[in-house]
Amino acid sequence: MIAVLDDVHFADAASWEALRYFARHLDDTRLLVVATSRPADLADQEVAAQALFELDEDGFLRRLEVTPLDRNTTRDLAETIVGQPPPAALVDWVDQRARGNPLYVISLVRALLEEHAAESRRGPARSAGTRLRGHPRRADYQVV
């Protein structure tokens, strides 16, 4: 069984205790727990710090650091979403705002695609004021 716990930095003391219990008492069960958190938010929680320390000491914890996307990976992700190589100005604009966060890259690129589709339906005369703030003029391009 796989259990995915997202944003465990929001977990309460009872949840951390349950996680410790499962790790120690379900040793004959095939269980993988994947927990995600923001390290900075987790650092201020004593209960979480203690639980993680104990799980690490007992050999139940493996940490994987997820680093921010670089510009090339941002470009590759944008290309996957758009379906064609995006202009450099668009990649720069998205990369600067997303700061390596893949969810922001996806959201920004999708928002631009939706905006482009809406502009296409309205026509250029009616869509002049609808651009995302700071959207690069040179990144305007046809998405087919």
Protein backbone atom coordinates (compact mmCIF):
# COMPACT_ATOMS: atom_id res chain seq x y z
CA MET A 1 0.00 0.00 0.00
CA ILE A 2 1.14 3.54 -0.71
CA ALA A 3 -0.06 6.46 1.39
CA VAL A 4 0.65 9.98 0.16
CA LEU A 5 0.55 12.73 2.76
CA ASP A 6 0.78 16.16 1.16
CA ASP A 7 1.74 19.28 3.13
CA VAL A 8 2.59 17.44 6.35
CA HIS A 9 3.83 20.72 7.78
CA PHE A 10 0.11 21.27 8.54
CA ALA A 11 -0.21 17.95 10.44
CA ASP A 12 -1.22 17.99 14.09
CA ALA A 13 0.43 16.07 16.94
CA ALA A 14 -2.00 13.13 16.67
CA SER A 15 -1.15 12.69 12.98
CA TRP A 16 2.58 12.61 13.73
CA GLU A 17 1.97 10.08 16.50
CA ALA A 18 -0.04 7.90 14.11
CA LEU A 19 2.79 8.02 11.58
CA ARG A 20 5.30 6.94 14.23
CA TYR A 21 2.97 4.14 15.33
CA PHE A 22 2.53 2.80 11.79
CA ALA A 23 6.29 2.89 11.16
CA ARG A 24 7.00 0.86 14.29
CA HIS A 25 4.08 -1.58 14.35
CA LEU A 26 3.36 -2.48 10.77
CA ASP A 27 6.73 -4.07 10.04
CA ASP A 28 5.19 -7.13 8.38
CA THR A 29 3.05 -4.93 6.10
CA ARG A 30 4.29 -3.60 2.79
CA LEU A 31 3.62 0.10 3.30
CA LEU A 32 5.23 3.12 1.65
CA VAL A 33 4.42 6.53 3.04
CA VAL A 34 5.33 9.50 0.87
CA ALA A 35 5.07 12.75 2.78
CA THR A 36 5.64 16.19 1.31
CA SER A 37 6.38 19.40 3.11
CA ARG A 38 8.11 22.73 2.89
CA PRO A 39 11.22 22.35 5.04
CA ALA A 40 11.07 25.93 6.29
CA ASP A 41 7.50 25.44 7.54
CA LEU A 42 8.36 22.11 9.14
CA ALA A 43 11.39 23.44 11.03
CA ASP A 44 9.26 25.47 13.47
CA GLN A 45 7.17 22.50 14.65
CA GLU A 46 8.60 20.66 17.66
CA VAL A 47 6.28 17.67 17.34
CA ALA A 48 7.19 17.22 13.68
CA ALA A 49 10.91 17.66 14.35
CA GLN A 50 10.81 15.03 17.12
CA ALA A 51 8.81 12.57 15.02
CA LEU A 52 11.14 12.97 12.05
CA PHE A 53 14.20 12.61 14.27
CA GLU A 54 12.86 9.36 15.73
CA LEU A 55 11.86 7.98 12.32
CA ASP A 56 15.31 8.84 11.00
CA GLU A 57 17.06 7.25 14.00
CA ASP A 58 15.02 4.07 13.56
CA GLY A 59 15.90 3.90 9.85
CA PHE A 60 12.37 4.59 8.60
CA LEU A 61 13.06 7.94 6.96
CA ARG A 62 14.58 8.83 3.62
CA ARG A 63 14.63 12.50 2.64
CA LEU A 64 14.56 13.59 -0.97
CA GLU A 65 15.21 17.23 -1.68
CA VAL A 66 13.33 18.61 -4.63
CA THR A 67 15.25 21.50 -6.13
CA PRO A 68 13.69 24.34 -8.13
CA LEU A 69 13.43 23.98 -11.88
CA ASP A 70 16.16 25.68 -13.89
CA ARG A 71 15.40 27.73 -17.00
CA ASN A 72 15.95 24.80 -19.38
CA THR A 73 13.57 22.56 -17.45
CA THR A 74 11.05 25.39 -17.29
CA ARG A 75 11.31 25.66 -21.09
CA ASP A 76 10.86 21.90 -21.48
CA LEU A 77 7.79 21.90 -19.23
CA ALA A 78 6.29 24.87 -21.10
CA GLU A 79 6.93 23.08 -24.40
CA THR A 80 5.17 19.97 -23.11
CA ILE A 81 2.12 22.04 -22.16
CA VAL A 82 2.05 24.16 -25.32
CA GLY A 83 2.94 21.38 -27.72
CA GLN A 84 5.64 23.38 -29.49
CA PRO A 85 8.84 25.19 -28.54
CA PRO A 86 7.87 28.40 -26.71
CA PRO A 87 9.56 31.72 -27.57
CA ALA A 88 12.53 32.67 -25.39
CA ALA A 89 10.68 35.77 -24.12
CA LEU A 90 7.84 33.59 -22.83
CA VAL A 91 10.26 31.20 -21.13
CA ASP A 92 12.08 34.12 -19.50
CA TRP A 93 8.80 35.65 -18.32
CA VAL A 94 7.49 32.38 -16.85
CA ASP A 95 10.86 31.42 -15.35
CA GLN A 96 11.24 34.79 -13.63
CA ARG A 97 7.79 34.62 -12.05
CA ALA A 98 7.64 30.91 -11.20
CA ARG A 99 11.11 30.91 -9.59
CA GLY A 100 11.52 27.21 -10.21
CA ASN A 101 8.15 26.09 -8.87
CA PRO A 102 6.71 23.57 -11.38
CA LEU A 103 3.11 24.18 -10.29
CA TYR A 104 3.53 27.89 -11.00
CA VAL A 105 5.08 27.15 -14.38
CA ILE A 106 2.12 24.96 -15.29
CA SER A 107 -0.41 27.51 -13.99
CA LEU A 108 1.20 30.46 -15.76
CA VAL A 109 1.53 28.68 -19.10
CA ARG A 110 -2.04 27.37 -18.92
CA ALA A 111 -3.32 30.84 -18.01
CA LEU A 112 -1.53 32.29 -21.03
CA LEU A 113 -3.01 29.60 -23.27
CA GLU A 114 -6.50 30.28 -21.92
CA GLU A 115 -5.98 34.01 -22.37
CA HIS A 116 -4.84 33.45 -25.95
CA ALA A 117 -7.89 31.29 -26.66
CA ALA A 118 -10.19 33.95 -25.18
CA GLU A 119 -8.51 36.67 -27.25
CA SER A 120 -8.91 34.56 -30.36
CA ARG A 121 -12.66 34.28 -29.71
CA ARG A 122 -13.07 38.02 -28.97
CA GLY A 123 -10.81 39.34 -31.70
CA PRO A 124 -7.89 41.74 -31.25
CA ALA A 125 -9.96 44.93 -30.90
CA ARG A 126 -11.82 43.75 -27.79
CA SER A 127 -8.95 41.93 -26.04
CA ALA A 128 -6.39 44.72 -25.57
CA GLY A 129 -6.94 45.05 -21.81
CA THR A 130 -7.02 41.37 -20.88
CA ARG A 131 -3.32 40.44 -20.81
CA LEU A 132 -1.78 38.98 -17.69
CA ARG A 133 0.08 41.74 -15.90
CA GLY A 134 3.63 41.97 -17.15
CA HIS A 135 3.03 39.55 -20.00
CA PRO A 136 5.87 40.02 -22.49
CA ARG A 137 4.71 41.53 -25.76
CA ARG A 138 7.28 39.53 -27.69
CA ALA A 139 5.88 36.29 -26.24
CA ASP A 140 2.62 36.74 -28.15
CA TYR A 141 2.46 33.89 -30.61
CA GLN A 142 0.02 31.59 -32.25
CA VAL A 143 -0.75 28.37 -30.42
CA VAL A 144 -2.13 25.78 -32.79
